[in-house]
PDB file of N, CA and C in Angstrom:
ATOM      1  N   ASP A   1     122.918  86.438 121.294  1.00  0.00           N
ATOM      2  CA  ASP A   1     121.572  86.978 121.306  1.00  0.00           C
ATOM      3  C   ASP A   1     120.946  86.826 119.929  1.00  0.00           C
ATOM      4  N   SER A   2     119.641  86.625 119.931  1.00  0.00           N
ATOM      5  CA  SER A   2     118.933  86.522 118.662  1.00  0.00           C
ATOM      6  C   SER A   2     117.659  87.348 118.736  1.00  0.00           C
ATOM      7  N   THR A   3     117.144  87.660 117.574  1.00  0.00           N
ATOM      8  CA  THR A   3     115.907  88.410 117.482  1.00  0.00           C
ATOM      9  C   THR A   3     114.787  87.450 117.133  1.00  0.00           C
ATOM     10  N   VAL A   4     113.745  87.449 117.942  1.00  0.00           N
ATOM     11  CA  VAL A   4     112.593  86.595 117.656  1.00  0.00           C
ATOM     12  C   VAL A   4     111.612  87.375 116.790  1.00  0.00           C
ATOM     13  N   ALA A   5     110.666  86.675 116.198  1.00  0.00           N
ATOM     14  CA  ALA A   5     109.728  87.300 115.265  1.00  0.00           C
ATOM     15  C   ALA A   5     109.001  88.486 115.879  1.00  0.00           C
ATOM     16  N   SER A   6     108.583  88.364 117.128  1.00  0.00           N
ATOM     17  CA  SER A   6     107.844  89.472 117.745  1.00  0.00           C
ATOM     18  C   SER A   6     108.711  90.720 117.889  1.00  0.00           C
ATOM     19  N   GLN A   7     110.006  90.541 118.143  1.00  0.00           N
ATOM     20  CA  GLN A   7     110.905  91.692 118.219  1.00  0.00           C
ATOM     21  C   GLN A   7     111.048  92.351 116.855  1.00  0.00           C
ATOM     22  N   ALA A   8     111.208  91.564 115.818  1.00  0.00           N
ATOM     23  CA  ALA A   8     111.346  92.104 114.467  1.00  0.00           C
ATOM     24  C   ALA A   8     110.090  92.862 114.063  1.00  0.00           C
ATOM     25  N   LEU A   9     108.920  92.320 114.368  1.00  0.00           N
ATOM     26  CA  LEU A   9     107.673  93.007 114.046  1.00  0.00           C
ATOM     27  C   LEU A   9     107.544  94.306 114.822  1.00  0.00           C
ATOM     28  N   HIS A  10     107.974  94.296 116.073  1.00  0.00           N
ATOM     29  CA  HIS A  10     107.952  95.515 116.879  1.00  0.00           C
ATOM     30  C   HIS A  10     108.829  96.583 116.234  1.00  0.00           C
ATOM     31  N   LEU A  11     110.040  96.222 115.871  1.00  0.00           N
ATOM     32  CA  LEU A  11     110.948  97.185 115.254  1.00  0.00           C
ATOM     33  C   LEU A  11     110.401  97.714 113.937  1.00  0.00           C
ATOM     34  N   PHE A  12     109.690  96.886 113.215  1.00  0.00           N
ATOM     35  CA  PHE A  12     109.165  97.288 111.920  1.00  0.00           C
ATOM     36  C   PHE A  12     107.921  98.155 112.040  1.00  0.00           C
ATOM     37  N   ASN A  13     107.048  97.849 113.001  1.00  0.00           N
ATOM     38  CA  ASN A  13     105.728  98.472 113.055  1.00  0.00           C
ATOM     39  C   ASN A  13     105.541  99.535 114.128  1.00  0.00           C
ATOM     40  N   ASP A  14     106.365  99.573 115.129  1.00  0.00           N
ATOM     41  CA  ASP A  14     106.153 100.460 116.265  1.00  0.00           C
ATOM     42  C   ASP A  14     106.275 101.933 115.869  1.00  0.00           C
ATOM     43  N   ALA A  15     105.320 102.744 116.319  1.00  0.00           N
ATOM     44  CA  ALA A  15     105.310 104.172 115.992  1.00  0.00           C
ATOM     45  C   ALA A  15     106.545 104.879 116.535  1.00  0.00           C
ATOM     46  N   MET A  16     107.002 104.493 117.721  1.00  0.00           N
ATOM     47  CA  MET A  16     108.194 105.123 118.285  1.00  0.00           C
ATOM     48  C   MET A  16     109.421 104.839 117.414  1.00  0.00           C
ATOM     49  N   ILE A  17     109.531 103.630 116.898  1.00  0.00           N
ATOM     50  CA  ILE A  17     110.658 103.286 116.036  1.00  0.00           C
ATOM     51  C   ILE A  17     110.593 104.097 114.745  1.00  0.00           C
ATOM     52  N   ARG A  18     109.394 104.282 114.205  1.00  0.00           N
ATOM     53  CA  ARG A  18     109.255 105.118 112.998  1.00  0.00           C
ATOM     54  C   ARG A  18     109.656 106.558 113.299  1.00  0.00           C
ATOM     55  N   THR A  19     109.280 107.056 114.469  1.00  0.00           N
ATOM     56  CA  THR A  19     109.680 108.411 114.861  1.00  0.00           C
ATOM     57  C   THR A  19     111.193 108.501 115.003  1.00  0.00           C
ATOM     58  N   LEU A  20     111.803 107.494 115.619  1.00  0.00           N
ATOM     59  CA  LEU A  20     113.270 107.468 115.730  1.00  0.00           C
ATOM     60  C   LEU A  20     113.923 107.455 114.353  1.00  0.00           C
ATOM     61  N   ALA A  21     113.348 106.705 113.421  1.00  0.00           N
ATOM     62  CA  ALA A  21     113.885 106.660 112.058  1.00  0.00           C
ATOM     63  C   ALA A  21     113.772 108.030 111.389  1.00  0.00           C
ATOM     64  N   ASP A  22     112.662 108.730 111.618  1.00  0.00           N
ATOM     65  CA  ASP A  22     112.504 110.082 111.069  1.00  0.00           C
ATOM     66  C   ASP A  22     113.570 111.020 111.629  1.00  0.00           C
ATOM     67  N   GLU A  23     113.792 110.951 112.939  1.00  0.00           N
ATOM     68  CA  GLU A  23     114.806 111.803 113.565  1.00  0.00           C
ATOM     69  C   GLU A  23     116.212 111.420 113.107  1.00  0.00           C
ATOM     70  N   PHE A  24     116.449 110.146 112.943  1.00  0.00           N
ATOM     71  CA  PHE A  24     117.725 109.657 112.427  1.00  0.00           C
ATOM     72  C   PHE A  24     117.963 110.242 111.034  1.00  0.00           C
ATOM     73  N   ALA A  25     116.942 110.201 110.177  1.00  0.00           N
ATOM     74  CA  ALA A  25     117.064 110.741 108.820  1.00  0.00           C
ATOM     75  C   ALA A  25     117.317 112.249 108.843  1.00  0.00           C
ATOM     76  N   LYS A  26     116.670 112.956 109.758  1.00  0.00           N
ATOM     77  CA  LYS A  26     116.917 114.401 109.877  1.00  0.00           C
ATOM     78  C   LYS A  26     118.360 114.669 110.268  1.00  0.00           C
ATOM     79  N   ARG A  27     118.887 113.869 111.179  1.00  0.00           N
ATOM     80  CA  ARG A  27     120.289 114.037 111.574  1.00  0.00           C
ATOM     81  C   ARG A  27     121.217 113.753 110.401  1.00  0.00           C
ATOM     82  N   VAL A  28     120.931 112.691 109.665  1.00  0.00           N
ATOM     83  CA  VAL A  28     121.754 112.364 108.496  1.00  0.00           C
ATOM     84  C   VAL A  28     121.756 113.538 107.521  1.00  0.00           C
ATOM     85  N   THR A  29     120.595 114.129 107.280  1.00  0.00           N
ATOM     86  CA  THR A  29     120.500 115.266 106.361  1.00  0.00           C
ATOM     87  C   THR A  29     121.260 116.471 106.904  1.00  0.00           C
ATOM     88  N   ARG A  30     121.145 116.723 108.203  1.00  0.00           N
ATOM     89  CA  ARG A  30     121.907 117.834 108.798  1.00  0.00           C
ATOM     90  C   ARG A  30     123.407 117.610 108.644  1.00  0.00           C
ATOM     91  N   ASP A  31     123.848 116.388 108.894  1.00  0.00           N
ATOM     92  CA  ASP A  31     125.279 116.072 108.855  1.00  0.00           C
ATOM     93  C   ASP A  31     125.832 115.967 107.441  1.00  0.00           C
ATOM     94  N   ALA A  32     125.061 115.360 106.537  1.00  0.00           N
ATOM     95  CA  ALA A  32     125.589 115.003 105.214  1.00  0.00           C
ATOM     96  C   ALA A  32     125.003 115.819 104.070  1.00  0.00           C
ATOM     97  N   GLY A  33     123.964 116.589 104.338  1.00  0.00           N
ATOM     98  CA  GLY A  33     123.325 117.321 103.250  1.00  0.00           C
ATOM     99  C   GLY A  33     122.362 116.429 102.483  1.00  0.00           C
ATOM    100  N   THR A  34     122.065 116.833 101.261  1.00  0.00           N
ATOM    101  CA  THR A  34     121.044 116.129 100.487  1.00  0.00           C
ATOM    102  C   THR A  34     121.606 115.198  99.414  1.00  0.00           C
ATOM    103  N   ALA A  35     122.918 115.077  99.320  1.00  0.00           N
ATOM    104  CA  ALA A  35     123.514 114.165  98.336  1.00  0.00           C
ATOM    105  C   ALA A  35     123.338 112.722  98.812  1.00  0.00           C
ATOM    106  N   PRO A  36     122.615 111.900  98.056  1.00  0.00           N
ATOM    107  CA  PRO A  36     122.355 110.522  98.492  1.00  0.00           C
ATOM    108  C   PRO A  36     123.621 109.731  98.833  1.00  0.00           C
ATOM    109  N   TYR A  37     124.668 109.894  98.067  1.00  0.00           N
ATOM    110  CA  TYR A  37     125.930 109.171  98.321  1.00  0.00           C
ATOM    111  C   TYR A  37     126.428 109.463  99.736  1.00  0.00           C
ATOM    112  N   LYS A  38     126.429 110.731 100.103  1.00  0.00           N
ATOM    113  CA  LYS A  38     126.892 111.122 101.437  1.00  0.00           C
ATOM    114  C   LYS A  38     125.909 110.684 102.515  1.00  0.00           C
ATOM    115  N   GLN A  39     124.616 110.691 102.188  1.00  0.00           N
ATOM    116  CA  GLN A  39     123.617 110.235 103.150  1.00  0.00           C
ATOM    117  C   GLN A  39     123.787 108.754 103.473  1.00  0.00           C
ATOM    118  N   ILE A  40     124.074 107.956 102.463  1.00  0.00           N
ATOM    119  CA  ILE A  40     124.296 106.524 102.685  1.00  0.00           C
ATOM    120  C   ILE A  40     125.496 106.332 103.608  1.00  0.00           C
ATOM    121  N   GLU A  41     126.581 107.032 103.311  1.00  0.00           N
ATOM    122  CA  GLU A  41     127.784 106.898 104.139  1.00  0.00           C
ATOM    123  C   GLU A  41     127.521 107.315 105.578  1.00  0.00           C
ATOM    124  N   ARG A  42     126.858 108.455 105.764  1.00  0.00           N
ATOM    125  CA  ARG A  42     126.607 108.941 107.125  1.00  0.00           C
ATOM    126  C   ARG A  42     125.648 108.009 107.871  1.00  0.00           C
ATOM    127  N   SER A  43     124.658 107.489 107.174  1.00  0.00           N
ATOM    128  CA  SER A  43     123.729 106.539 107.792  1.00  0.00           C
ATOM    129  C   SER A  43     124.466 105.320 108.325  1.00  0.00           C
ATOM    130  N   TYR A  44     125.382 104.800 107.525  1.00  0.00           N
ATOM    131  CA  TYR A  44     126.157 103.635 107.960  1.00  0.00           C
ATOM    132  C   TYR A  44     127.060 103.986 109.139  1.00  0.00           C
ATOM    133  N   GLN A  45     127.675 105.157 109.091  1.00  0.00           N
ATOM    134  CA  GLN A  45     128.543 105.555 110.204  1.00  0.00           C
ATOM    135  C   GLN A  45     127.760 105.608 111.506  1.00  0.00           C
ATOM    136  N   LEU A  46     126.583 106.195 111.460  1.00  0.00           N
ATOM    137  CA  LEU A  46     125.787 106.346 112.675  1.00  0.00           C
ATOM    138  C   LEU A  46     125.159 105.034 113.138  1.00  0.00           C
ATOM    139  N   ALA A  47     124.627 104.257 112.220  1.00  0.00           N
ATOM    140  CA  ALA A  47     123.908 103.034 112.605  1.00  0.00           C
ATOM    141  C   ALA A  47     124.829 101.856 112.871  1.00  0.00           C
ATOM    142  N   LEU A  48     125.893 101.743 112.076  1.00  0.00           N
ATOM    143  CA  LEU A  48     126.719 100.539 112.139  1.00  0.00           C
ATOM    144  C   LEU A  48     128.173 100.808 112.510  1.00  0.00           C
ATOM    145  N   ASN A  49     128.505 102.084 112.711  1.00  0.00           N
ATOM    146  CA  ASN A  49     129.856 102.486 113.112  1.00  0.00           C
ATOM    147  C   ASN A  49     130.917 102.046 112.097  1.00  0.00           C
ATOM    148  N   ARG A  50     130.540 102.116 110.832  1.00  0.00           N
ATOM    149  CA  ARG A  50     131.486 101.799 109.761  1.00  0.00           C
ATOM    150  C   ARG A  50     130.981 102.411 108.460  1.00  0.00           C
ATOM    151  N   MET A  51     131.847 102.436 107.462  1.00  0.00           N
ATOM    152  CA  MET A  51     131.448 102.903 106.142  1.00  0.00           C
ATOM    153  C   MET A  51     130.828 101.733 105.373  1.00  0.00           C
ATOM    154  N   PRO A  52     129.916 102.024 104.453  1.00  0.00           N
ATOM    155  CA  PRO A  52     129.367 100.944 103.635  1.00  0.00           C
ATOM    156  C   PRO A  52     130.408 100.453 102.632  1.00  0.00           C
ATOM    157  N   ASN A  53     130.341  99.177 102.287  1.00  0.00           N
ATOM    158  CA  ASN A  53     131.212  98.695 101.211  1.00  0.00           C
ATOM    159  C   ASN A  53     130.582  99.097  99.872  1.00  0.00           C
ATOM    160  N   ASP A  54     131.248  98.811  98.785  1.00  0.00           N
ATOM    161  CA  ASP A  54     130.761  99.242  97.472  1.00  0.00           C
ATOM    162  C   ASP A  54     129.374  98.688  97.154  1.00  0.00           C
ATOM    163  N   THR A  55     129.154  97.433  97.464  1.00  0.00           N
ATOM    164  CA  THR A  55     127.854  96.819  97.188  1.00  0.00           C
ATOM    165  C   THR A  55     126.762  97.465  98.032  1.00  0.00           C
ATOM    166  N   GLU A  56     127.031  97.671  99.311  1.00  0.00           N
ATOM    167  CA  GLU A  56     126.051  98.312 100.196  1.00  0.00           C
ATOM    168  C   GLU A  56     125.743  99.726  99.727  1.00  0.00           C
ATOM    169  N   ARG A  57     126.754 100.427  99.269  1.00  0.00           N
ATOM    170  CA  ARG A  57     126.559 101.790  98.774  1.00  0.00           C
ATOM    171  C   ARG A  57     125.670 101.773  97.527  1.00  0.00           C
ATOM    172  N   GLU A  58     125.949 100.873  96.596  1.00  0.00           N
ATOM    173  CA  GLU A  58     125.151 100.777  95.371  1.00  0.00           C
ATOM    174  C   GLU A  58     123.707 100.397  95.679  1.00  0.00           C
ATOM    175  N   VAL A  59     123.526  99.426  96.561  1.00  0.00           N
ATOM    176  CA  VAL A  59     122.176  99.006  96.945  1.00  0.00           C
ATOM    177  C   VAL A  59     121.454 100.158  97.650  1.00  0.00           C
ATOM    178  N   GLY A  60     122.155 100.863  98.521  1.00  0.00           N
ATOM    179  CA  GLY A  60     121.561 101.997  99.220  1.00  0.00           C
ATOM    180  C   GLY A  60     121.131 103.099  98.277  1.00  0.00           C
ATOM    181  N   LEU A  61     121.975 103.421  97.316  1.00  0.00           N
ATOM    182  CA  LEU A  61     121.630 104.457  96.339  1.00  0.00           C
ATOM    183  C   LEU A  61     120.417 104.044  95.512  1.00  0.00           C
ATOM    184  N   ALA A  62     120.387 102.794  95.081  1.00  0.00           N
ATOM    185  CA  ALA A  62     119.237 102.299  94.318  1.00  0.00           C
ATOM    186  C   ALA A  62     117.971 102.326  95.174  1.00  0.00           C
ATOM    187  N   ALA A  63     118.109 101.963  96.445  1.00  0.00           N
ATOM    188  CA  ALA A  63     116.956 101.971  97.352  1.00  0.00           C
ATOM    189  C   ALA A  63     116.424 103.388  97.539  1.00  0.00           C
ATOM    190  N   LEU A  64     117.309 104.343  97.771  1.00  0.00           N
ATOM    191  CA  LEU A  64     116.854 105.727  97.939  1.00  0.00           C
ATOM    192  C   LEU A  64     116.156 106.236  96.684  1.00  0.00           C
ATOM    193  N   GLU A  65     116.696 105.897  95.531  1.00  0.00           N
ATOM    194  CA  GLU A  65     116.075 106.324  94.272  1.00  0.00           C
ATOM    195  C   GLU A  65     114.675 105.733  94.122  1.00  0.00           C
ATOM    196  N   GLU A  66     114.555 104.440  94.362  1.00  0.00           N
ATOM    197  CA  GLU A  66     113.260 103.768  94.228  1.00  0.00           C
ATOM    198  C   GLU A  66     112.275 104.245  95.296  1.00  0.00           C
ATOM    199  N   LEU A  67     112.731 104.382  96.528  1.00  0.00           N
ATOM    200  CA  LEU A  67     111.850 104.858  97.598  1.00  0.00           C
ATOM    201  C   LEU A  67     111.368 106.279  97.327  1.00  0.00           C
ATOM    202  N   THR A  68     112.245 107.132  96.824  1.00  0.00           N
ATOM    203  CA  THR A  68     111.842 108.502  96.487  1.00  0.00           C
ATOM    204  C   THR A  68     110.760 108.477  95.416  1.00  0.00           C
ATOM    205  N   ARG A  69     110.960 107.652  94.400  1.00  0.00           N
ATOM    206  CA  ARG A  69     109.966 107.532  93.328  1.00  0.00           C
ATOM    207  C   ARG A  69     108.623 107.065  93.899  1.00  0.00           C
ATOM    208  N   LEU A  70     108.658 106.076  94.775  1.00  0.00           N
ATOM    209  CA  LEU A  70     107.422 105.564  95.369  1.00  0.00           C
ATOM    210  C   LEU A  70     106.737 106.608  96.246  1.00  0.00           C
ATOM    211  N   TRP A  71     107.510 107.349  97.031  1.00  0.00           N
ATOM    212  CA  TRP A  71     106.914 108.377  97.893  1.00  0.00           C
ATOM    213  C   TRP A  71     106.358 109.528  97.059  1.00  0.00           C
ATOM    214  N   GLN A  72     106.918 109.781  95.881  1.00  0.00           N
ATOM    215  CA  GLN A  72     106.368 110.823  95.006  1.00  0.00           C
ATOM    216  C   GLN A  72     104.976 110.441  94.509  1.00  0.00           C
ATOM    217  N   GLN A  73     104.716 109.159  94.380  1.00  0.00           N
ATOM    218  CA  GLN A  73     103.427 108.671  93.893  1.00  0.00           C
ATOM    219  C   GLN A  73     102.374 108.596  94.990  1.00  0.00           C
ATOM    220  N   LYS A  74     102.807 108.629  96.244  1.00  0.00           N
ATOM    221  CA  LYS A  74     101.882 108.470  97.368  1.00  0.00           C
ATOM    222  C   LYS A  74     101.440 109.855  97.840  1.00  0.00           C
ATOM    223  N   PRO A  75     100.132 110.072  97.972  1.00  0.00           N
ATOM    224  CA  PRO A  75      99.674 111.376  98.463  1.00  0.00           C
ATOM    225  C   PRO A  75     100.138 111.631  99.894  1.00  0.00           C
ATOM    226  N   GLY A  76     100.291 112.897 100.234  1.00  0.00           N
ATOM    227  CA  GLY A  76     100.734 113.274 101.572  1.00  0.00           C
ATOM    228  C   GLY A  76      99.703 112.934 102.627  1.00  0.00           C
ATOM    229  N   GLU A  77     100.175 112.839 103.859  1.00  0.00           N
ATOM    230  CA  GLU A  77      99.279 112.554 104.968  1.00  0.00           C
ATOM    231  C   GLU A  77      98.497 113.818 105.307  1.00  0.00           C
ATOM    232  N   THR A  78      97.358 113.617 105.914  1.00  0.00           N
ATOM    233  CA  THR A  78      96.624 114.758 106.431  1.00  0.00           C
ATOM    234  C   THR A  78      97.002 114.925 107.890  1.00  0.00           C
ATOM    235  N   GLY A  79      96.989 116.132 108.353  1.00  0.00           N
ATOM    236  CA  GLY A  79      97.354 116.380 109.744  1.00  0.00           C
ATOM    237  C   GLY A  79      97.844 117.802 109.900  1.00  0.00           C
ATOM    238  N   LYS A  80      98.323 118.111 111.089  1.00  0.00           N
ATOM    239  CA  LYS A  80      98.741 119.473 111.389  1.00  0.00           C
ATOM    240  C   LYS A  80     100.084 119.826 110.771  1.00  0.00           C
ATOM    241  N   THR A  81     100.948 118.856 110.625  1.00  0.00           N
ATOM    242  CA  THR A  81     102.261 119.149 110.060  1.00  0.00           C
ATOM    243  C   THR A  81     102.273 118.776 108.583  1.00  0.00           C
ATOM    244  N   PRO A  82     102.956 119.572 107.758  1.00  0.00           N
ATOM    245  CA  PRO A  82     103.020 119.219 106.341  1.00  0.00           C
ATOM    246  C   PRO A  82     103.835 117.946 106.149  1.00  0.00           C
ATOM    247  N   PRO A  83     103.497 117.158 105.129  1.00  0.00           N
ATOM    248  CA  PRO A  83     104.260 115.932 104.899  1.00  0.00           C
ATOM    249  C   PRO A  83     105.697 116.257 104.502  1.00  0.00           C
ATOM    250  N   GLN A  84     106.586 115.335 104.802  1.00  0.00           N
ATOM    251  CA  GLN A  84     107.984 115.507 104.418  1.00  0.00           C
ATOM    252  C   GLN A  84     108.104 115.372 102.904  1.00  0.00           C
ATOM    253  N   PRO A  85     109.111 116.018 102.312  1.00  0.00           N
ATOM    254  CA  PRO A  85     109.364 115.819 100.883  1.00  0.00           C
ATOM    255  C   PRO A  85     109.679 114.344 100.606  1.00  0.00           C
ATOM    256  N   PRO A  86     109.373 113.862  99.408  1.00  0.00           N
ATOM    257  CA  PRO A  86     109.605 112.450  99.084  1.00  0.00           C
ATOM    258  C   PRO A  86     111.030 111.968  99.362  1.00  0.00           C
ATOM    259  N   ALA A  87     112.035 112.772  99.051  1.00  0.00           N
ATOM    260  CA  ALA A  87     113.423 112.335  99.286  1.00  0.00           C
ATOM    261  C   ALA A  87     113.696 112.148 100.777  1.00  0.00           C
ATOM    262  N   GLN A  88     113.116 112.998 101.623  1.00  0.00           N
ATOM    263  CA  GLN A  88     113.322 112.864 103.065  1.00  0.00           C
ATOM    264  C   GLN A  88     112.560 111.658 103.604  1.00  0.00           C
ATOM    265  N   ARG A  89     111.367 111.424 103.086  1.00  0.00           N
ATOM    266  CA  ARG A  89     110.606 110.240 103.491  1.00  0.00           C
ATOM    267  C   ARG A  89     111.340 108.971 103.073  1.00  0.00           C
ATOM    268  N   ALA A  90     111.954 109.010 101.897  1.00  0.00           N
ATOM    269  CA  ALA A  90     112.735 107.858 101.425  1.00  0.00           C
ATOM    270  C   ALA A  90     113.912 107.599 102.354  1.00  0.00           C
ATOM    271  N   LEU A  91     114.607 108.665 102.747  1.00  0.00           N
ATOM    272  CA  LEU A  91     115.741 108.510 103.653  1.00  0.00           C
ATOM    273  C   LEU A  91     115.279 107.959 105.003  1.00  0.00           C
ATOM    274  N   ALA A  92     114.144 108.428 105.502  1.00  0.00           N
ATOM    275  CA  ALA A  92     113.619 107.912 106.772  1.00  0.00           C
ATOM    276  C   ALA A  92     113.291 106.424 106.662  1.00  0.00           C
ATOM    277  N   THR A  93     112.737 106.011 105.541  1.00  0.00           N
ATOM    278  CA  THR A  93     112.449 104.591 105.326  1.00  0.00           C
ATOM    279  C   THR A  93     113.744 103.790 105.293  1.00  0.00           C
ATOM    280  N   TYR A  94     114.742 104.323 104.615  1.00  0.00           N
ATOM    281  CA  TYR A  94     116.048 103.662 104.542  1.00  0.00           C
ATOM    282  C   TYR A  94     116.676 103.562 105.938  1.00  0.00           C
ATOM    283  N   CYS A  95     116.605 104.652 106.703  1.00  0.00           N
ATOM    284  CA  CYS A  95     117.148 104.648 108.064  1.00  0.00           C
ATOM    285  C   CYS A  95     116.410 103.642 108.942  1.00  0.00           C
ATOM    286  N   HIS A  96     115.104 103.532 108.753  1.00  0.00           N
ATOM    287  CA  HIS A  96     114.313 102.545 109.492  1.00  0.00           C
ATOM    288  C   HIS A  96     114.844 101.144 109.210  1.00  0.00           C
ATOM    289  N   THR A  97     115.176 100.888 107.963  1.00  0.00           N
ATOM    290  CA  THR A  97     115.736  99.589 107.584  1.00  0.00           C
ATOM    291  C   THR A  97     117.075  99.354 108.275  1.00  0.00           C
ATOM    292  N   LEU A  98     117.920 100.385 108.308  1.00  0.00           N
ATOM    293  CA  LEU A  98     119.215 100.237 108.977  1.00  0.00           C
ATOM    294  C   LEU A  98     119.051  99.986 110.472  1.00  0.00           C
ATOM    295  N   ILE A  99     118.106 100.681 111.094  1.00  0.00           N
ATOM    296  CA  ILE A  99     117.848 100.462 112.518  1.00  0.00           C
ATOM    297  C   ILE A  99     117.467  98.998 112.750  1.00  0.00           C
ATOM    298  N   ASN A 100     116.639  98.468 111.870  1.00  0.00           N
ATOM    299  CA  ASN A 100     116.205  97.074 112.005  1.00  0.00           C
ATOM    300  C   ASN A 100     117.328  96.085 111.755  1.00  0.00           C
ATOM    301  N   SER A 101     118.329  96.477 110.978  1.00  0.00           N
ATOM    302  CA  SER A 101     119.410  95.541 110.648  1.00  0.00           C
ATOM    303  C   SER A 101     120.598  95.651 111.596  1.00  0.00           C
ATOM    304  N   ALA A 102     120.673  96.730 112.366  1.00  0.00           N
ATOM    305  CA  ALA A 102     121.812  96.943 113.270  1.00  0.00           C
ATOM    306  C   ALA A 102     121.654  96.048 114.490  1.00  0.00           C
ATOM    307  N   GLY A 103     122.460  95.056 114.555  1.00  0.00           N
ATOM    308  CA  GLY A 103     122.338  94.226 115.735  1.00  0.00           C
ATOM    309  C   GLY A 103     123.124  92.962 115.648  1.00  0.00           C
TER     310      GLY A 103
END
């Protein structure tokens, strides 16, 4: 099986997939707490059914750090629910990436 461009764009842009990534990140936080190292490990266990290797762990930690920094610079959304904290938004973005890569 292969993924065609339209499937990849769907996984990247679809609102339902973003919602699933948010829920995935919430589960990771419930299971692993707020320590990024543990969040990376739990994310890999859930998405890929394995632990990350050293390189994947390092890249994941760097990604969470950079994503958190970027989300801190971005103003919150307007709406009925308060925006998620930057670290949680970063984890959701990271989980979205894992969802897109699992396959």
